[in-house]
């Protein structure tokens, strides 16, 4: 008589001590951390660690709150990796596609293609892949610098929108004052 032996093996996604807990993620729609899906209409929250790949599918949204106070929001069709470097100058995130918004309570570095966006303390803004060859960067508050094959330290990006061609390294920027203009009403005739 043959007997079947079943062995159940569980493997943790955080199997090494080097996978530091970096924060927590919540989302709506189809949001993934590595191969684990957070789905449904309700906010579901889970941990994010070094080396995790985070993605938000079409018509989905995710918010990551890091232990250092930095916050990022992933728009639909976005994919990034949480990278923990040994030096403070190494990137903390690597954006592969989509759009993110960020609030940096601590300096924040975001790698994309062969470039690095270094956001100052208190910086707020967003980074978006317009297409595979072009990104758009918007700094709402404070400043940031872009480094890569071509150095853009002097863009002075506060309250500016800049586009960067990833192949040629060319940029185009414009300054904006307010999202909604502050208009003084015209007095009515007596």
C-alpha atoms as a PDB file:
ATOM      1  CA  UNK A   1       0.000   0.000   0.000  1.00  0.00           C
ATOM      2  CA  UNK A   2       1.448   3.317  -1.034  1.00  0.00           C
ATOM      3  CA  UNK A   3       1.245   6.229   1.337  1.00  0.00           C
ATOM      4  CA  UNK A   4       1.416   9.809   0.269  1.00  0.00           C
ATOM      5  CA  UNK A   5       3.458  12.165   2.364  1.00  0.00           C
ATOM      6  CA  UNK A   6       2.674  15.844   2.117  1.00  0.00           C
ATOM      7  CA  UNK A   7       5.144  18.390   3.315  1.00  0.00           C
ATOM      8  CA  UNK A   8       4.007  21.946   3.813  1.00  0.00           C
ATOM      9  CA  UNK A   9       6.802  24.485   3.626  1.00  0.00           C
ATOM     10  CA  UNK A  10       6.192  28.156   4.261  1.00  0.00           C
ATOM     11  CA  UNK A  11       8.660  30.718   3.066  1.00  0.00           C
ATOM     12  CA  UNK A  12       8.588  34.268   4.335  1.00  0.00           C
ATOM     13  CA  UNK A  13       8.953  37.146   1.887  1.00  0.00           C
ATOM     14  CA  UNK A  14      11.304  38.689   4.436  1.00  0.00           C
ATOM     15  CA  UNK A  15      13.633  35.731   4.730  1.00  0.00           C
ATOM     16  CA  UNK A  16      16.858  37.575   5.491  1.00  0.00           C
ATOM     17  CA  UNK A  17      17.825  39.888   8.284  1.00  0.00           C
ATOM     18  CA  UNK A  18      18.952  42.475   5.720  1.00  0.00           C
ATOM     19  CA  UNK A  19      15.341  43.175   4.673  1.00  0.00           C
ATOM     20  CA  UNK A  20      14.754  46.209   6.881  1.00  0.00           C
ATOM     21  CA  UNK A  21      11.218  47.361   7.571  1.00  0.00           C
ATOM     22  CA  UNK A  22      10.906  50.713   5.786  1.00  0.00           C
ATOM     23  CA  UNK A  23       7.252  51.609   6.179  1.00  0.00           C
ATOM     24  CA  UNK A  24       3.693  50.601   5.418  1.00  0.00           C
ATOM     25  CA  UNK A  25       1.522  50.679   2.332  1.00  0.00           C
ATOM     26  CA  UNK A  26      -2.212  50.984   1.863  1.00  0.00           C
ATOM     27  CA  UNK A  27      -4.087  51.000  -1.385  1.00  0.00           C
ATOM     28  CA  UNK A  28      -7.289  50.795  -3.317  1.00  0.00           C
ATOM     29  CA  UNK A  29      -7.696  48.568  -6.358  1.00  0.00           C
ATOM     30  CA  UNK A  30      -4.994  46.130  -7.389  1.00  0.00           C
ATOM     31  CA  UNK A  31      -1.814  47.001  -5.482  1.00  0.00           C
ATOM     32  CA  UNK A  32       1.107  44.596  -5.192  1.00  0.00           C
ATOM     33  CA  UNK A  33       4.111  44.292  -2.914  1.00  0.00           C
ATOM     34  CA  UNK A  34       6.346  41.736  -4.634  1.00  0.00           C
ATOM     35  CA  UNK A  35       3.981  38.891  -5.515  1.00  0.00           C
ATOM     36  CA  UNK A  36       1.439  39.665  -2.763  1.00  0.00           C
ATOM     37  CA  UNK A  37      -1.702  41.473  -3.904  1.00  0.00           C
ATOM     38  CA  UNK A  38      -3.630  43.964  -1.822  1.00  0.00           C
ATOM     39  CA  UNK A  39      -6.999  44.022  -3.545  1.00  0.00           C
ATOM     40  CA  UNK A  40     -10.472  45.244  -2.869  1.00  0.00           C
ATOM     41  CA  UNK A  41     -12.344  48.433  -2.260  1.00  0.00           C
ATOM     42  CA  UNK A  42     -11.286  48.854   1.349  1.00  0.00           C
ATOM     43  CA  UNK A  43      -7.887  50.150   2.413  1.00  0.00           C
ATOM     44  CA  UNK A  44      -5.633  47.204   3.239  1.00  0.00           C
ATOM     45  CA  UNK A  45      -2.312  47.882   4.928  1.00  0.00           C
ATOM     46  CA  UNK A  46       0.930  45.877   4.922  1.00  0.00           C
ATOM     47  CA  UNK A  47       4.649  46.405   5.549  1.00  0.00           C
ATOM     48  CA  UNK A  48       7.181  47.545   2.951  1.00  0.00           C
ATOM     49  CA  UNK A  49      10.820  46.481   3.291  1.00  0.00           C
ATOM     50  CA  UNK A  50      14.122  46.991   1.496  1.00  0.00           C
ATOM     51  CA  UNK A  51      14.132  45.308  -1.880  1.00  0.00           C
ATOM     52  CA  UNK A  52      10.341  45.225  -2.238  1.00  0.00           C
ATOM     53  CA  UNK A  53       8.821  45.974  -5.630  1.00  0.00           C
ATOM     54  CA  UNK A  54       5.598  47.956  -5.293  1.00  0.00           C
ATOM     55  CA  UNK A  55       3.064  48.435  -8.075  1.00  0.00           C
ATOM     56  CA  UNK A  56      -0.389  49.889  -8.610  1.00  0.00           C
ATOM     57  CA  UNK A  57      -2.362  48.542 -11.568  1.00  0.00           C
ATOM     58  CA  UNK A  58      -4.729  50.430 -13.847  1.00  0.00           C
ATOM     59  CA  UNK A  59      -7.437  52.303 -11.896  1.00  0.00           C
ATOM     60  CA  UNK A  60      -5.538  51.671  -8.628  1.00  0.00           C
ATOM     61  CA  UNK A  61      -3.846  53.882  -6.063  1.00  0.00           C
ATOM     62  CA  UNK A  62      -1.354  53.296  -3.242  1.00  0.00           C
ATOM     63  CA  UNK A  63       0.154  55.346  -0.447  1.00  0.00           C
ATOM     64  CA  UNK A  64       3.444  54.454   1.283  1.00  0.00           C
ATOM     65  CA  UNK A  65       4.361  56.029   4.603  1.00  0.00           C
ATOM     66  CA  UNK A  66       8.013  55.443   5.454  1.00  0.00           C
ATOM     67  CA  UNK A  67       9.342  55.184   9.007  1.00  0.00           C
ATOM     68  CA  UNK A  68      11.433  58.355   8.457  1.00  0.00           C
ATOM     69  CA  UNK A  69       8.237  60.354   7.742  1.00  0.00           C
ATOM     70  CA  UNK A  70       8.595  60.522   3.952  1.00  0.00           C
ATOM     71  CA  UNK A  71       5.413  59.776   2.016  1.00  0.00           C
ATOM     72  CA  UNK A  72       4.863  58.723  -1.581  1.00  0.00           C
ATOM     73  CA  UNK A  73       1.664  58.155  -3.490  1.00  0.00           C
ATOM     74  CA  UNK A  74       1.549  55.869  -6.513  1.00  0.00           C
ATOM     75  CA  UNK A  75      -0.872  56.620  -9.311  1.00  0.00           C
ATOM     76  CA  UNK A  76      -2.305  54.001 -11.614  1.00  0.00           C
ATOM     77  CA  UNK A  77       0.043  51.846 -13.710  1.00  0.00           C
ATOM     78  CA  UNK A  78       3.047  52.661 -11.521  1.00  0.00           C
ATOM     79  CA  UNK A  79       5.930  50.385 -10.575  1.00  0.00           C
ATOM     80  CA  UNK A  80       8.860  51.134  -8.264  1.00  0.00           C
ATOM     81  CA  UNK A  81      11.394  49.392  -6.061  1.00  0.00           C
ATOM     82  CA  UNK A  82      12.348  50.341  -2.501  1.00  0.00           C
ATOM     83  CA  UNK A  83      16.146  50.410  -2.394  1.00  0.00           C
ATOM     84  CA  UNK A  84      18.085  50.713   0.845  1.00  0.00           C
ATOM     85  CA  UNK A  85      21.627  51.844   0.296  1.00  0.00           C
ATOM     86  CA  UNK A  86      24.514  51.698   2.729  1.00  0.00           C
ATOM     87  CA  UNK A  87      25.348  55.352   2.097  1.00  0.00           C
ATOM     88  CA  UNK A  88      22.935  58.286   2.472  1.00  0.00           C
ATOM     89  CA  UNK A  89      23.717  59.328  -1.118  1.00  0.00           C
ATOM     90  CA  UNK A  90      22.291  56.123  -2.609  1.00  0.00           C
ATOM     91  CA  UNK A  91      18.736  56.138  -4.002  1.00  0.00           C
ATOM     92  CA  UNK A  92      15.859  55.225  -1.730  1.00  0.00           C
ATOM     93  CA  UNK A  93      13.422  54.515  -4.562  1.00  0.00           C
ATOM     94  CA  UNK A  94      13.748  53.435  -8.169  1.00  0.00           C
ATOM     95  CA  UNK A  95      10.783  54.408 -10.350  1.00  0.00           C
ATOM     96  CA  UNK A  96      10.312  52.206 -13.427  1.00  0.00           C
ATOM     97  CA  UNK A  97       6.993  53.517 -14.769  1.00  0.00           C
ATOM     98  CA  UNK A  98       3.931  55.561 -13.916  1.00  0.00           C
ATOM     99  CA  UNK A  99       3.567  58.548 -11.636  1.00  0.00           C
ATOM    100  CA  UNK A 100       4.350  59.280  -7.983  1.00  0.00           C
ATOM    101  CA  UNK A 101       3.730  62.208  -5.698  1.00  0.00           C
ATOM    102  CA  UNK A 102       6.058  62.762  -2.750  1.00  0.00           C
ATOM    103  CA  UNK A 103       6.433  64.694   0.480  1.00  0.00           C
ATOM    104  CA  UNK A 104       9.950  64.572   1.890  1.00  0.00           C
ATOM    105  CA  UNK A 105      10.235  65.159   5.630  1.00  0.00           C
ATOM    106  CA  UNK A 106      13.778  63.865   5.235  1.00  0.00           C
ATOM    107  CA  UNK A 107      15.923  64.171   2.091  1.00  0.00           C
ATOM    108  CA  UNK A 108      14.609  61.738  -0.534  1.00  0.00           C
ATOM    109  CA  UNK A 109      16.351  60.263  -3.579  1.00  0.00           C
ATOM    110  CA  UNK A 110      14.415  58.805  -6.488  1.00  0.00           C
ATOM    111  CA  UNK A 111      16.249  57.035  -9.306  1.00  0.00           C
ATOM    112  CA  UNK A 112      14.647  56.825 -12.749  1.00  0.00           C
ATOM    113  CA  UNK A 113      16.286  55.537 -15.923  1.00  0.00           C
ATOM    114  CA  UNK A 114      19.933  56.699 -15.551  1.00  0.00           C
ATOM    115  CA  UNK A 115      19.039  59.827 -13.560  1.00  0.00           C
ATOM    116  CA  UNK A 116      18.590  60.673  -9.896  1.00  0.00           C
ATOM    117  CA  UNK A 117      16.163  63.201  -8.396  1.00  0.00           C
ATOM    118  CA  UNK A 118      17.550  64.465  -5.078  1.00  0.00           C
ATOM    119  CA  UNK A 119      14.695  66.136  -3.156  1.00  0.00           C
ATOM    120  CA  UNK A 120      15.552  68.623  -0.411  1.00  0.00           C
ATOM    121  CA  UNK A 121      14.235  68.368   3.129  1.00  0.00           C
ATOM    122  CA  UNK A 122      10.599  69.509   3.072  1.00  0.00           C
ATOM    123  CA  UNK A 123      10.286  69.031  -0.686  1.00  0.00           C
ATOM    124  CA  UNK A 124       6.918  68.272  -2.247  1.00  0.00           C
ATOM    125  CA  UNK A 125       6.227  67.376  -5.839  1.00  0.00           C
ATOM    126  CA  UNK A 126       5.780  64.643  -8.381  1.00  0.00           C
ATOM    127  CA  UNK A 127       7.574  62.587 -10.991  1.00  0.00           C
ATOM    128  CA  UNK A 128       5.810  61.095 -14.011  1.00  0.00           C
ATOM    129  CA  UNK A 129       6.827  59.001 -16.990  1.00  0.00           C
ATOM    130  CA  UNK A 130       5.103  60.832 -19.851  1.00  0.00           C
ATOM    131  CA  UNK A 131       6.282  58.113 -22.242  1.00  0.00           C
ATOM    132  CA  UNK A 132       9.229  55.667 -22.224  1.00  0.00           C
ATOM    133  CA  UNK A 133      11.610  58.452 -23.334  1.00  0.00           C
ATOM    134  CA  UNK A 134      10.380  61.424 -21.293  1.00  0.00           C
ATOM    135  CA  UNK A 135       9.666  62.270 -17.659  1.00  0.00           C
ATOM    136  CA  UNK A 136       7.963  65.257 -16.128  1.00  0.00           C
ATOM    137  CA  UNK A 137       9.062  66.629 -12.759  1.00  0.00           C
ATOM    138  CA  UNK A 138       7.016  69.105 -10.717  1.00  0.00           C
ATOM    139  CA  UNK A 139       8.352  70.688  -7.546  1.00  0.00           C
ATOM    140  CA  UNK A 140       5.630  72.407  -5.529  1.00  0.00           C
ATOM    141  CA  UNK A 141       7.658  73.257  -2.458  1.00  0.00           C
ATOM    142  CA  UNK A 142      11.400  73.561  -1.825  1.00  0.00           C
ATOM    143  CA  UNK A 143      13.955  72.436  -4.345  1.00  0.00           C
ATOM    144  CA  UNK A 144      15.463  69.379  -5.964  1.00  0.00           C
ATOM    145  CA  UNK A 145      18.318  68.626  -8.285  1.00  0.00           C
ATOM    146  CA  UNK A 146      18.628  66.105 -11.070  1.00  0.00           C
ATOM    147  CA  UNK A 147      21.911  64.336 -11.699  1.00  0.00           C
ATOM    148  CA  UNK A 148      22.859  61.782 -14.319  1.00  0.00           C
ATOM    149  CA  UNK A 149      24.910  61.653 -17.504  1.00  0.00           C
ATOM    150  CA  UNK A 150      24.225  65.388 -17.703  1.00  0.00           C
ATOM    151  CA  UNK A 151      24.133  67.442 -14.487  1.00  0.00           C
ATOM    152  CA  UNK A 152      21.120  69.707 -13.902  1.00  0.00           C
ATOM    153  CA  UNK A 153      21.992  71.113 -10.467  1.00  0.00           C
ATOM    154  CA  UNK A 154      21.066  74.631 -11.495  1.00  0.00           C
ATOM    155  CA  UNK A 155      17.511  74.000 -12.701  1.00  0.00           C
ATOM    156  CA  UNK A 156      16.141  75.790  -9.623  1.00  0.00           C
ATOM    157  CA  UNK A 157      13.063  73.631  -9.759  1.00  0.00           C
ATOM    158  CA  UNK A 158      10.939  75.117  -6.965  1.00  0.00           C
ATOM    159  CA  UNK A 159       7.496  75.976  -8.334  1.00  0.00           C
ATOM    160  CA  UNK A 160       8.575  74.698 -11.730  1.00  0.00           C
ATOM    161  CA  UNK A 161       7.562  71.985 -14.119  1.00  0.00           C
ATOM    162  CA  UNK A 162      10.381  70.410 -16.080  1.00  0.00           C
ATOM    163  CA  UNK A 163      10.432  67.734 -18.731  1.00  0.00           C
ATOM    164  CA  UNK A 164      13.531  65.648 -19.328  1.00  0.00           C
ATOM    165  CA  UNK A 165      14.212  63.634 -22.475  1.00  0.00           C
ATOM    166  CA  UNK A 166      15.879  60.470 -21.188  1.00  0.00           C
ATOM    167  CA  UNK A 167      17.744  59.772 -24.436  1.00  0.00           C
ATOM    168  CA  UNK A 168      19.107  63.221 -25.265  1.00  0.00           C
ATOM    169  CA  UNK A 169      19.212  64.758 -21.774  1.00  0.00           C
ATOM    170  CA  UNK A 170      17.469  67.913 -22.990  1.00  0.00           C
ATOM    171  CA  UNK A 171      15.131  69.760 -20.648  1.00  0.00           C
ATOM    172  CA  UNK A 172      12.342  72.249 -20.864  1.00  0.00           C
ATOM    173  CA  UNK A 173      11.081  74.106 -17.795  1.00  0.00           C
ATOM    174  CA  UNK A 174       8.492  76.717 -17.002  1.00  0.00           C
ATOM    175  CA  UNK A 175       7.643  78.484 -13.776  1.00  0.00           C
ATOM    176  CA  UNK A 176       4.170  78.648 -12.314  1.00  0.00           C
ATOM    177  CA  UNK A 177       2.982  80.972  -9.585  1.00  0.00           C
ATOM    178  CA  UNK A 178      -0.234  79.391  -8.321  1.00  0.00           C
ATOM    179  CA  UNK A 179      -2.387  76.537  -9.491  1.00  0.00           C
ATOM    180  CA  UNK A 180      -5.346  78.913  -9.233  1.00  0.00           C
ATOM    181  CA  UNK A 181      -4.638  82.575  -9.904  1.00  0.00           C
ATOM    182  CA  UNK A 182      -5.400  84.993  -7.099  1.00  0.00           C
ATOM    183  CA  UNK A 183      -7.711  87.468  -8.817  1.00  0.00           C
ATOM    184  CA  UNK A 184      -8.997  90.654  -7.223  1.00  0.00           C
ATOM    185  CA  UNK A 185     -12.654  91.182  -8.176  1.00  0.00           C
ATOM    186  CA  UNK A 186     -13.560  94.279 -10.177  1.00  0.00           C
ATOM    187  CA  UNK A 187     -15.668  96.649  -8.083  1.00  0.00           C
ATOM    188  CA  UNK A 188     -19.291  96.978  -9.218  1.00  0.00           C
ATOM    189  CA  UNK A 189     -20.604 100.299 -10.454  1.00  0.00           C
ATOM    190  CA  UNK A 190     -22.749 102.196  -7.915  1.00  0.00           C
END
